[in-house]
Amino acid sequence: MTIPEIIVSILVIIAGIFALGTALALWRAPDPLTRANLLGPTVGVSIPLLITALLIHTWATDGFNLNNLIRAIIAILGVWIIGSVGSFYMGRAIYGVTVVDNRRSK
């Protein structure tokens, strides 16, 4: 194996460990609000690591391509932005459904 292949393999293994950890945490989470907030490691770390691994693999096989670098940066930023906004809205929606305000019931 070449050095880029070793780096790509390590990145993919780390991303898989983060995804597995998130899946186990989702399985053990007590309520939907906690589950909605547990997606952070996968969205914030695992998917960007996989995109970076693909970028390194492409550079090792085809050479440096500025277009791929720009697309990878946009993809990582997009995952972070969409993941954080989506998590916020899911959390707000679940919180609004699951929490009972005792002040209004009186």
PDB file of N, CA and C in Angstrom:
ATOM      1  N   MET A   1       0.828  -1.181   0.000  1.00  0.00           N
ATOM      2  CA  MET A   1       0.000   0.000   0.000  1.00  0.00           C
ATOM      3  C   MET A   1       0.874   1.247   0.000  1.00  0.00           C
ATOM      4  N   THR A   2       0.403   2.224  -0.726  1.00  0.00           N
ATOM      5  CA  THR A   2       1.133   3.486  -0.750  1.00  0.00           C
ATOM      6  C   THR A   2       0.694   4.350   0.433  1.00  0.00           C
ATOM      7  N   ILE A   3       1.424   5.418   0.659  1.00  0.00           N
ATOM      8  CA  ILE A   3       1.113   6.302   1.788  1.00  0.00           C
ATOM      9  C   ILE A   3      -0.270   6.944   1.649  1.00  0.00           C
ATOM     10  N   PRO A   4      -0.668   7.438   0.463  1.00  0.00           N
ATOM     11  CA  PRO A   4      -2.034   7.978   0.362  1.00  0.00           C
ATOM     12  C   PRO A   4      -3.116   6.933   0.642  1.00  0.00           C
ATOM     13  N   GLU A   5      -2.899   5.700   0.226  1.00  0.00           N
ATOM     14  CA  GLU A   5      -3.874   4.652   0.513  1.00  0.00           C
ATOM     15  C   GLU A   5      -3.978   4.375   2.010  1.00  0.00           C
ATOM     16  N   ILE A   6      -2.850   4.428   2.709  1.00  0.00           N
ATOM     17  CA  ILE A   6      -2.858   4.238   4.161  1.00  0.00           C
ATOM     18  C   ILE A   6      -3.610   5.374   4.837  1.00  0.00           C
ATOM     19  N   ILE A   7      -3.371   6.618   4.388  1.00  0.00           N
ATOM     20  CA  ILE A   7      -4.064   7.775   4.962  1.00  0.00           C
ATOM     21  C   ILE A   7      -5.562   7.671   4.715  1.00  0.00           C
ATOM     22  N   VAL A   8      -5.933   7.309   3.491  1.00  0.00           N
ATOM     23  CA  VAL A   8      -7.352   7.155   3.162  1.00  0.00           C
ATOM     24  C   VAL A   8      -7.977   6.061   4.015  1.00  0.00           C
ATOM     25  N   SER A   9      -7.286   4.952   4.191  1.00  0.00           N
ATOM     26  CA  SER A   9      -7.812   3.857   5.011  1.00  0.00           C
ATOM     27  C   SER A   9      -8.017   4.289   6.455  1.00  0.00           C
ATOM     28  N   ILE A  10      -7.068   5.021   6.996  1.00  0.00           N
ATOM     29  CA  ILE A  10      -7.187   5.500   8.375  1.00  0.00           C
ATOM     30  C   ILE A  10      -8.366   6.460   8.515  1.00  0.00           C
ATOM     31  N   LEU A  11      -8.520   7.370   7.552  1.00  0.00           N
ATOM     32  CA  LEU A  11      -9.635   8.318   7.597  1.00  0.00           C
ATOM     33  C   LEU A  11     -10.984   7.606   7.512  1.00  0.00           C
ATOM     34  N   VAL A  12     -11.070   6.595   6.656  1.00  0.00           N
ATOM     35  CA  VAL A  12     -12.325   5.851   6.521  1.00  0.00           C
ATOM     36  C   VAL A  12     -12.628   5.064   7.798  1.00  0.00           C
ATOM     37  N   ILE A  13     -11.618   4.484   8.413  1.00  0.00           N
ATOM     38  CA  ILE A  13     -11.826   3.748   9.664  1.00  0.00           C
ATOM     39  C   ILE A  13     -12.274   4.686  10.772  1.00  0.00           C
ATOM     40  N   ILE A  14     -11.648   5.857  10.885  1.00  0.00           N
ATOM     41  CA  ILE A  14     -12.054   6.832  11.901  1.00  0.00           C
ATOM     42  C   ILE A  14     -13.488   7.289  11.657  1.00  0.00           C
ATOM     43  N   ALA A  15     -13.833   7.554  10.392  1.00  0.00           N
ATOM     44  CA  ALA A  15     -15.206   7.956  10.066  1.00  0.00           C
ATOM     45  C   ALA A  15     -16.192   6.852  10.417  1.00  0.00           C
ATOM     46  N   GLY A  16     -15.820   5.614  10.160  1.00  0.00           N
ATOM     47  CA  GLY A  16     -16.691   4.491  10.513  1.00  0.00           C
ATOM     48  C   GLY A  16     -16.877   4.345  12.011  1.00  0.00           C
ATOM     49  N   ILE A  17     -15.820   4.596  12.776  1.00  0.00           N
ATOM     50  CA  ILE A  17     -15.925   4.527  14.238  1.00  0.00           C
ATOM     51  C   ILE A  17     -16.868   5.614  14.746  1.00  0.00           C
ATOM     52  N   PHE A  18     -16.745   6.824  14.192  1.00  0.00           N
ATOM     53  CA  PHE A  18     -17.662   7.898  14.594  1.00  0.00           C
ATOM     54  C   PHE A  18     -19.102   7.548  14.236  1.00  0.00           C
ATOM     55  N   ALA A  19     -19.322   7.000  13.055  1.00  0.00           N
ATOM     56  CA  ALA A  19     -20.681   6.629  12.649  1.00  0.00           C
ATOM     57  C   ALA A  19     -21.225   5.508  13.528  1.00  0.00           C
ATOM     58  N   LEU A  20     -20.399   4.533  13.854  1.00  0.00           N
ATOM     59  CA  LEU A  20     -20.829   3.453  14.735  1.00  0.00           C
ATOM     60  C   LEU A  20     -21.150   3.972  16.134  1.00  0.00           C
ATOM     61  N   GLY A  21     -20.304   4.865  16.635  1.00  0.00           N
ATOM     62  CA  GLY A  21     -20.564   5.465  17.947  1.00  0.00           C
ATOM     63  C   GLY A  21     -21.866   6.246  17.966  1.00  0.00           C
ATOM     64  N   THR A  22     -22.139   6.968  16.883  1.00  0.00           N
ATOM     65  CA  THR A  22     -23.391   7.711  16.795  1.00  0.00           C
ATOM     66  C   THR A  22     -24.582   6.762  16.743  1.00  0.00           C
ATOM     67  N   ALA A  23     -24.454   5.681  15.985  1.00  0.00           N
ATOM     68  CA  ALA A  23     -25.549   4.710  15.904  1.00  0.00           C
ATOM     69  C   ALA A  23     -25.823   4.068  17.257  1.00  0.00           C
ATOM     70  N   LEU A  24     -24.785   3.731  17.988  1.00  0.00           N
ATOM     71  CA  LEU A  24     -24.974   3.155  19.324  1.00  0.00           C
ATOM     72  C   LEU A  24     -25.597   4.164  20.276  1.00  0.00           C
ATOM     73  N   ALA A  25     -25.166   5.412  20.192  1.00  0.00           N
ATOM     74  CA  ALA A  25     -25.741   6.440  21.054  1.00  0.00           C
ATOM     75  C   ALA A  25     -27.203   6.693  20.706  1.00  0.00           C
ATOM     76  N   LEU A  26     -27.534   6.668  19.414  1.00  0.00           N
ATOM     77  CA  LEU A  26     -28.933   6.835  19.014  1.00  0.00           C
ATOM     78  C   LEU A  26     -29.781   5.679  19.529  1.00  0.00           C
ATOM     79  N   TRP A  27     -29.226   4.486  19.517  1.00  0.00           N
ATOM     80  CA  TRP A  27     -29.962   3.312  19.978  1.00  0.00           C
ATOM     81  C   TRP A  27     -30.265   3.406  21.471  1.00  0.00           C
ATOM     82  N   ARG A  28     -29.341   3.989  22.233  1.00  0.00           N
ATOM     83  CA  ARG A  28     -29.478   4.044  23.683  1.00  0.00           C
ATOM     84  C   ARG A  28     -30.091   5.350  24.194  1.00  0.00           C
ATOM     85  N   ALA A  29     -30.370   6.285  23.315  1.00  0.00           N
ATOM     86  CA  ALA A  29     -30.894   7.585  23.746  1.00  0.00           C
ATOM     87  C   ALA A  29     -32.294   7.435  24.334  1.00  0.00           C
ATOM     88  N   PRO A  30     -32.571   8.165  25.395  1.00  0.00           N
ATOM     89  CA  PRO A  30     -33.851   7.973  26.082  1.00  0.00           C
ATOM     90  C   PRO A  30     -35.058   8.617  25.403  1.00  0.00           C
ATOM     91  N   ASP A  31     -34.852   9.701  24.653  1.00  0.00           N
ATOM     92  CA  ASP A  31     -36.001  10.393  24.081  1.00  0.00           C
ATOM     93  C   ASP A  31     -35.655  10.967  22.699  1.00  0.00           C
ATOM     94  N   PRO A  32     -36.658  11.358  21.938  1.00  0.00           N
ATOM     95  CA  PRO A  32     -36.414  11.865  20.579  1.00  0.00           C
ATOM     96  C   PRO A  32     -35.581  13.132  20.530  1.00  0.00           C
ATOM     97  N   LEU A  33     -35.708  14.004  21.517  1.00  0.00           N
ATOM     98  CA  LEU A  33     -34.926  15.235  21.517  1.00  0.00           C
ATOM     99  C   LEU A  33     -33.436  14.940  21.646  1.00  0.00           C
ATOM    100  N   THR A  34     -33.094  13.988  22.472  1.00  0.00           N
ATOM    101  CA  THR A  34     -31.694  13.587  22.602  1.00  0.00           C
ATOM    102  C   THR A  34     -31.192  12.945  21.314  1.00  0.00           C
ATOM    103  N   ARG A  35     -32.019  12.147  20.672  1.00  0.00           N
ATOM    104  CA  ARG A  35     -31.635  11.514  19.407  1.00  0.00           C
ATOM    105  C   ARG A  35     -31.367  12.548  18.327  1.00  0.00           C
ATOM    106  N   ALA A  36     -32.173  13.593  18.278  1.00  0.00           N
ATOM    107  CA  ALA A  36     -31.974  14.639  17.269  1.00  0.00           C
ATOM    108  C   ALA A  36     -30.657  15.369  17.484  1.00  0.00           C
ATOM    109  N   ASN A  37     -30.227  15.488  18.733  1.00  0.00           N
ATOM    110  CA  ASN A  37     -28.983  16.198  19.030  1.00  0.00           C
ATOM    111  C   ASN A  37     -27.751  15.315  18.939  1.00  0.00           C
ATOM    112  N   LEU A  38     -27.926  14.008  18.788  1.00  0.00           N
ATOM    113  CA  LEU A  38     -26.783  13.092  18.734  1.00  0.00           C
ATOM    114  C   LEU A  38     -26.202  12.921  17.330  1.00  0.00           C
ATOM    115  N   LEU A  39     -26.756  13.552  16.338  1.00  0.00           N
ATOM    116  CA  LEU A  39     -26.256  13.385  14.979  1.00  0.00           C
ATOM    117  C   LEU A  39     -25.004  14.207  14.706  1.00  0.00           C
ATOM    118  N   GLY A  40     -24.568  14.997  15.653  1.00  0.00           N
ATOM    119  CA  GLY A  40     -23.416  15.878  15.474  1.00  0.00           C
ATOM    120  C   GLY A  40     -22.120  15.195  15.055  1.00  0.00           C
ATOM    121  N   PRO A  41     -21.707  14.105  15.699  1.00  0.00           N
ATOM    122  CA  PRO A  41     -20.446  13.475  15.294  1.00  0.00           C
ATOM    123  C   PRO A  41     -20.454  12.957  13.854  1.00  0.00           C
ATOM    124  N   THR A  42     -21.595  12.432  13.423  1.00  0.00           N
ATOM    125  CA  THR A  42     -21.648  11.925  12.053  1.00  0.00           C
ATOM    126  C   THR A  42     -21.630  13.067  11.048  1.00  0.00           C
ATOM    127  N   VAL A  43     -22.455  14.070  11.298  1.00  0.00           N
ATOM    128  CA  VAL A  43     -22.537  15.190  10.362  1.00  0.00           C
ATOM    129  C   VAL A  43     -21.296  16.064  10.437  1.00  0.00           C
ATOM    130  N   GLY A  44     -20.808  16.291  11.635  1.00  0.00           N
ATOM    131  CA  GLY A  44     -19.697  17.223  11.804  1.00  0.00           C
ATOM    132  C   GLY A  44     -18.320  16.653  11.553  1.00  0.00           C
ATOM    133  N   VAL A  45     -18.152  15.349  11.751  1.00  0.00           N
ATOM    134  CA  VAL A  45     -16.816  14.762  11.638  1.00  0.00           C
ATOM    135  C   VAL A  45     -16.756  13.644  10.602  1.00  0.00           C
ATOM    136  N   SER A  46     -17.677  12.707  10.669  1.00  0.00           N
ATOM    137  CA  SER A  46     -17.588  11.508   9.843  1.00  0.00           C
ATOM    138  C   SER A  46     -17.729  11.802   8.344  1.00  0.00           C
ATOM    139  N   ILE A  47     -18.745  12.550   7.967  1.00  0.00           N
ATOM    140  CA  ILE A  47     -18.953  12.834   6.546  1.00  0.00           C
ATOM    141  C   ILE A  47     -17.830  13.706   5.978  1.00  0.00           C
ATOM    142  N   PRO A  48     -17.365  14.773   6.683  1.00  0.00           N
ATOM    143  CA  PRO A  48     -16.206  15.495   6.162  1.00  0.00           C
ATOM    144  C   PRO A  48     -14.945  14.635   6.045  1.00  0.00           C
ATOM    145  N   LEU A  49     -14.750  13.686   6.966  1.00  0.00           N
ATOM    146  CA  LEU A  49     -13.601  12.789   6.841  1.00  0.00           C
ATOM    147  C   LEU A  49     -13.711  11.915   5.598  1.00  0.00           C
ATOM    148  N   LEU A  50     -14.914  11.446   5.303  1.00  0.00           N
ATOM    149  CA  LEU A  50     -15.101  10.639   4.090  1.00  0.00           C
ATOM    150  C   LEU A  50     -14.876  11.461   2.823  1.00  0.00           C
ATOM    151  N   ILE A  51     -15.324  12.706   2.826  1.00  0.00           N
ATOM    152  CA  ILE A  51     -15.095  13.578   1.672  1.00  0.00           C
ATOM    153  C   ILE A  51     -13.602  13.846   1.511  1.00  0.00           C
ATOM    154  N   THR A  52     -12.907  14.076   2.616  1.00  0.00           N
ATOM    155  CA  THR A  52     -11.460  14.300   2.564  1.00  0.00           C
ATOM    156  C   THR A  52     -10.728  13.047   2.081  1.00  0.00           C
ATOM    157  N   ALA A  53     -11.163  11.881   2.524  1.00  0.00           N
ATOM    158  CA  ALA A  53     -10.544  10.628   2.072  1.00  0.00           C
ATOM    159  C   ALA A  53     -10.722  10.453   0.562  1.00  0.00           C
ATOM    160  N   LEU A  54     -11.915  10.761   0.066  1.00  0.00           N
ATOM    161  CA  LEU A  54     -12.143  10.672  -1.379  1.00  0.00           C
ATOM    162  C   LEU A  54     -11.263  11.657  -2.132  1.00  0.00           C
ATOM    163  N   LEU A  55     -11.103  12.850  -1.587  1.00  0.00           N
ATOM    164  CA  LEU A  55     -10.257  13.858  -2.226  1.00  0.00           C
ATOM    165  C   LEU A  55      -8.797  13.403  -2.272  1.00  0.00           C
ATOM    166  N   ILE A  56      -8.307  12.849  -1.187  1.00  0.00           N
ATOM    167  CA  ILE A  56      -6.920  12.351  -1.160  1.00  0.00           C
ATOM    168  C   ILE A  56      -6.755  11.200  -2.134  1.00  0.00           C
ATOM    169  N   HIS A  57      -7.720  10.305  -2.191  1.00  0.00           N
ATOM    170  CA  HIS A  57      -7.644   9.180  -3.127  1.00  0.00           C
ATOM    171  C   HIS A  57      -7.637   9.669  -4.574  1.00  0.00           C
ATOM    172  N   THR A  58      -8.474  10.640  -4.871  1.00  0.00           N
ATOM    173  CA  THR A  58      -8.514  11.190  -6.230  1.00  0.00           C
ATOM    174  C   THR A  58      -7.208  11.864  -6.579  1.00  0.00           C
ATOM    175  N   TRP A  59      -6.644  12.609  -5.643  1.00  0.00           N
ATOM    176  CA  TRP A  59      -5.358  13.254  -5.904  1.00  0.00           C
ATOM    177  C   TRP A  59      -4.252  12.228  -6.115  1.00  0.00           C
ATOM    178  N   ALA A  60      -4.319  11.112  -5.388  1.00  0.00           N
ATOM    179  CA  ALA A  60      -3.270  10.089  -5.526  1.00  0.00           C
ATOM    180  C   ALA A  60      -3.360   9.376  -6.864  1.00  0.00           C
ATOM    181  N   THR A  61      -4.557   9.219  -7.394  1.00  0.00           N
ATOM    182  CA  THR A  61      -4.707   8.482  -8.652  1.00  0.00           C
ATOM    183  C   THR A  61      -4.665   9.381  -9.879  1.00  0.00           C
ATOM    184  N   ASP A  62      -5.328  10.535  -9.806  1.00  0.00           N
ATOM    185  CA  ASP A  62      -5.437  11.406 -10.985  1.00  0.00           C
ATOM    186  C   ASP A  62      -4.581  12.657 -10.908  1.00  0.00           C
ATOM    187  N   GLY A  63      -4.022  12.960  -9.767  1.00  0.00           N
ATOM    188  CA  GLY A  63      -3.261  14.183  -9.602  1.00  0.00           C
ATOM    189  C   GLY A  63      -4.147  15.290  -9.040  1.00  0.00           C
ATOM    190  N   PHE A  64      -3.495  16.405  -8.695  1.00  0.00           N
ATOM    191  CA  PHE A  64      -4.213  17.528  -8.099  1.00  0.00           C
ATOM    192  C   PHE A  64      -5.160  18.146  -9.114  1.00  0.00           C
ATOM    193  N   ASN A  65      -6.385  18.412  -8.657  1.00  0.00           N
ATOM    194  CA  ASN A  65      -7.385  19.060  -9.487  1.00  0.00           C
ATOM    195  C   ASN A  65      -8.071  20.111  -8.620  1.00  0.00           C
ATOM    196  N   LEU A  66      -7.931  21.372  -9.011  1.00  0.00           N
ATOM    197  CA  LEU A  66      -8.498  22.465  -8.241  1.00  0.00           C
ATOM    198  C   LEU A  66     -10.021  22.369  -8.168  1.00  0.00           C
ATOM    199  N   ASN A  67     -10.635  21.885  -9.236  1.00  0.00           N
ATOM    200  CA  ASN A  67     -12.090  21.726  -9.264  1.00  0.00           C
ATOM    201  C   ASN A  67     -12.552  20.772  -8.167  1.00  0.00           C
ATOM    202  N   ASN A  68     -11.863  19.661  -7.989  1.00  0.00           N
ATOM    203  CA  ASN A  68     -12.239  18.711  -6.927  1.00  0.00           C
ATOM    204  C   ASN A  68     -12.049  19.310  -5.546  1.00  0.00           C
ATOM    205  N   LEU A  69     -10.998  20.116  -5.374  1.00  0.00           N
ATOM    206  CA  LEU A  69     -10.770  20.756  -4.078  1.00  0.00           C
ATOM    207  C   LEU A  69     -11.897  21.723  -3.752  1.00  0.00           C
ATOM    208  N   ILE A  70     -12.291  22.534  -4.699  1.00  0.00           N
ATOM    209  CA  ILE A  70     -13.373  23.494  -4.478  1.00  0.00           C
ATOM    210  C   ILE A  70     -14.690  22.762  -4.197  1.00  0.00           C
ATOM    211  N   ARG A  71     -14.954  21.703  -4.959  1.00  0.00           N
ATOM    212  CA  ARG A  71     -16.178  20.929  -4.734  1.00  0.00           C
ATOM    213  C   ARG A  71     -16.173  20.275  -3.356  1.00  0.00           C
ATOM    214  N   ALA A  72     -15.028  19.791  -2.900  1.00  0.00           N
ATOM    215  CA  ALA A  72     -14.940  19.171  -1.575  1.00  0.00           C
ATOM    216  C   ALA A  72     -15.171  20.210  -0.482  1.00  0.00           C
ATOM    217  N   ILE A  73     -14.597  21.390  -0.638  1.00  0.00           N
ATOM    218  CA  ILE A  73     -14.791  22.452   0.353  1.00  0.00           C
ATOM    219  C   ILE A  73     -16.259  22.855   0.411  1.00  0.00           C
ATOM    220  N   ILE A  74     -16.890  23.014  -0.747  1.00  0.00           N
ATOM    221  CA  ILE A  74     -18.311  23.368  -0.783  1.00  0.00           C
ATOM    222  C   ILE A  74     -19.161  22.254  -0.163  1.00  0.00           C
ATOM    223  N   ALA A  75     -18.812  20.996  -0.438  1.00  0.00           N
ATOM    224  CA  ALA A  75     -19.575  19.873   0.121  1.00  0.00           C
ATOM    225  C   ALA A  75     -19.449  19.827   1.640  1.00  0.00           C
ATOM    226  N   ILE A  76     -18.258  20.026   2.161  1.00  0.00           N
ATOM    227  CA  ILE A  76     -18.064  19.997   3.612  1.00  0.00           C
ATOM    228  C   ILE A  76     -18.795  21.158   4.274  1.00  0.00           C
ATOM    229  N   LEU A  77     -18.662  22.350   3.714  1.00  0.00           N
ATOM    230  CA  LEU A  77     -19.384  23.497   4.267  1.00  0.00           C
ATOM    231  C   LEU A  77     -20.896  23.298   4.178  1.00  0.00           C
ATOM    232  N   GLY A  78     -21.357  22.732   3.072  1.00  0.00           N
ATOM    233  CA  GLY A  78     -22.784  22.471   2.919  1.00  0.00           C
ATOM    234  C   GLY A  78     -23.302  21.476   3.931  1.00  0.00           C
ATOM    235  N   VAL A  79     -22.531  20.424   4.187  1.00  0.00           N
ATOM    236  CA  VAL A  79     -22.942  19.427   5.189  1.00  0.00           C
ATOM    237  C   VAL A  79     -23.009  20.071   6.563  1.00  0.00           C
ATOM    238  N   TRP A  80     -22.023  20.888   6.904  1.00  0.00           N
ATOM    239  CA  TRP A  80     -22.026  21.543   8.206  1.00  0.00           C
ATOM    240  C   TRP A  80     -23.199  22.504   8.355  1.00  0.00           C
ATOM    241  N   ILE A  81     -23.458  23.305   7.327  1.00  0.00           N
ATOM    242  CA  ILE A  81     -24.539  24.295   7.414  1.00  0.00           C
ATOM    243  C   ILE A  81     -25.899  23.604   7.439  1.00  0.00           C
ATOM    244  N   ILE A  82     -26.124  22.705   6.502  1.00  0.00           N
ATOM    245  CA  ILE A  82     -27.421  22.023   6.442  1.00  0.00           C
ATOM    246  C   ILE A  82     -27.632  21.140   7.668  1.00  0.00           C
ATOM    247  N   GLY A  83     -26.579  20.487   8.141  1.00  0.00           N
ATOM    248  CA  GLY A  83     -26.704  19.651   9.331  1.00  0.00           C
ATOM    249  C   GLY A  83     -27.035  20.454  10.577  1.00  0.00           C
ATOM    250  N   SER A  84     -26.394  21.595  10.751  1.00  0.00           N
ATOM    251  CA  SER A  84     -26.673  22.394  11.949  1.00  0.00           C
ATOM    252  C   SER A  84     -28.056  23.024  11.890  1.00  0.00           C
ATOM    253  N   VAL A  85     -28.447  23.540  10.738  1.00  0.00           N
ATOM    254  CA  VAL A  85     -29.781  24.127  10.616  1.00  0.00           C
ATOM    255  C   VAL A  85     -30.857  23.048  10.739  1.00  0.00           C
ATOM    256  N   GLY A  86     -30.640  21.902  10.098  1.00  0.00           N
ATOM    257  CA  GLY A  86     -31.603  20.813  10.188  1.00  0.00           C
ATOM    258  C   GLY A  86     -31.737  20.285  11.607  1.00  0.00           C
ATOM    259  N   SER A  87     -30.618  20.166  12.311  1.00  0.00           N
ATOM    260  CA  SER A  87     -30.659  19.703  13.691  1.00  0.00           C
ATOM    261  C   SER A  87     -31.403  20.707  14.574  1.00  0.00           C
ATOM    262  N   PHE A  88     -31.187  21.985  14.322  1.00  0.00           N
ATOM    263  CA  PHE A  88     -31.888  23.013  15.085  1.00  0.00           C
ATOM    264  C   PHE A  88     -33.392  22.909  14.882  1.00  0.00           C
ATOM    265  N   TYR A  89     -33.822  22.792  13.629  1.00  0.00           N
ATOM    266  CA  TYR A  89     -35.251  22.725  13.364  1.00  0.00           C
ATOM    267  C   TYR A  89     -35.873  21.418  13.855  1.00  0.00           C
ATOM    268  N   MET A  90     -35.149  20.309  13.734  1.00  0.00           N
ATOM    269  CA  MET A  90     -35.668  19.051  14.279  1.00  0.00           C
ATOM    270  C   MET A  90     -35.817  19.137  15.791  1.00  0.00           C
ATOM    271  N   GLY A  91     -34.804  19.697  16.449  1.00  0.00           N
ATOM    272  CA  GLY A  91     -34.868  19.846  17.897  1.00  0.00           C
ATOM    273  C   GLY A  91     -36.011  20.736  18.337  1.00  0.00           C
ATOM    274  N   ARG A  92     -36.211  21.846  17.630  1.00  0.00           N
ATOM    275  CA  ARG A  92     -37.318  22.748  17.974  1.00  0.00           C
ATOM    276  C   ARG A  92     -38.668  22.075  17.751  1.00  0.00           C
ATOM    277  N   ALA A  93     -38.796  21.334  16.658  1.00  0.00           N
ATOM    278  CA  ALA A  93     -40.067  20.663  16.371  1.00  0.00           C
ATOM    279  C   ALA A  93     -40.358  19.581  17.411  1.00  0.00           C
ATOM    280  N   ILE A  94     -39.345  18.807  17.752  1.00  0.00           N
ATOM    281  CA  ILE A  94     -39.540  17.740  18.735  1.00  0.00           C
ATOM    282  C   ILE A  94     -39.799  18.329  20.116  1.00  0.00           C
ATOM    283  N   TYR A  95     -39.085  19.391  20.453  1.00  0.00           N
ATOM    284  CA  TYR A  95     -39.283  20.034  21.757  1.00  0.00           C
ATOM    285  C   TYR A  95     -40.701  20.575  21.875  1.00  0.00           C
ATOM    286  N   GLY A  96     -41.215  21.156  20.804  1.00  0.00           N
ATOM    287  CA  GLY A  96     -42.569  21.691  20.821  1.00  0.00           C
ATOM    288  C   GLY A  96     -43.626  20.616  20.976  1.00  0.00           C
ATOM    289  N   VAL A  97     -43.345  19.421  20.519  1.00  0.00           N
ATOM    290  CA  VAL A  97     -44.317  18.329  20.596  1.00  0.00           C
ATOM    291  C   VAL A  97     -44.224  17.576  21.923  1.00  0.00           C
ATOM    292  N   THR A  98     -43.018  17.408  22.437  1.00  0.00           N
ATOM    293  CA  THR A  98     -42.831  16.534  23.600  1.00  0.00           C
ATOM    294  C   THR A  98     -42.918  17.242  24.938  1.00  0.00           C
ATOM    295  N   VAL A  99     -42.705  18.539  24.991  1.00  0.00           N
ATOM    296  CA  VAL A  99     -42.696  19.248  26.273  1.00  0.00           C
ATOM    297  C   VAL A  99     -44.077  19.814  26.549  1.00  0.00           C
ATOM    298  N   VAL A 100     -44.568  19.569  27.757  1.00  0.00           N
ATOM    299  CA  VAL A 100     -45.882  20.065  28.179  1.00  0.00           C
ATOM    300  C   VAL A 100     -45.660  21.251  29.092  1.00  0.00           C
ATOM    301  N   ASP A 101     -46.289  22.363  28.774  1.00  0.00           N
ATOM    302  CA  ASP A 101     -46.181  23.560  29.599  1.00  0.00           C
ATOM    303  C   ASP A 101     -47.285  23.518  30.643  1.00  0.00           C
ATOM    304  N   ASN A 102     -46.909  23.334  31.901  1.00  0.00           N
ATOM    305  CA  ASN A 102     -47.888  23.219  32.990  1.00  0.00           C
ATOM    306  C   ASN A 102     -48.584  24.545  33.293  1.00  0.00           C
ATOM    307  N   ARG A 103     -47.982  25.650  32.930  1.00  0.00           N
ATOM    308  CA  ARG A 103     -48.599  26.947  33.188  1.00  0.00           C
ATOM    309  C   ARG A 103     -49.864  27.143  32.354  1.00  0.00           C
ATOM    310  N   ARG A 104     -49.901  26.570  31.168  1.00  0.00           N
ATOM    311  CA  ARG A 104     -51.076  26.744  30.302  1.00  0.00           C
ATOM    312  C   ARG A 104     -52.213  25.800  30.665  1.00  0.00           C
ATOM    313  N   SER A 105     -51.914  24.725  31.362  1.00  0.00           N
ATOM    314  CA  SER A 105     -52.966  23.761  31.689  1.00  0.00           C
ATOM    315  C   SER A 105     -53.801  24.186  32.895  1.00  0.00           C
ATOM    316  N   LYS A 106     -53.367  25.211  33.595  1.00  0.00           N
ATOM    317  CA  LYS A 106     -54.113  25.669  34.802  1.00  0.00           C
ATOM    318  C   LYS A 106     -55.220  26.613  34.436  1.00  0.00           C
TER     319      LYS A 106
END
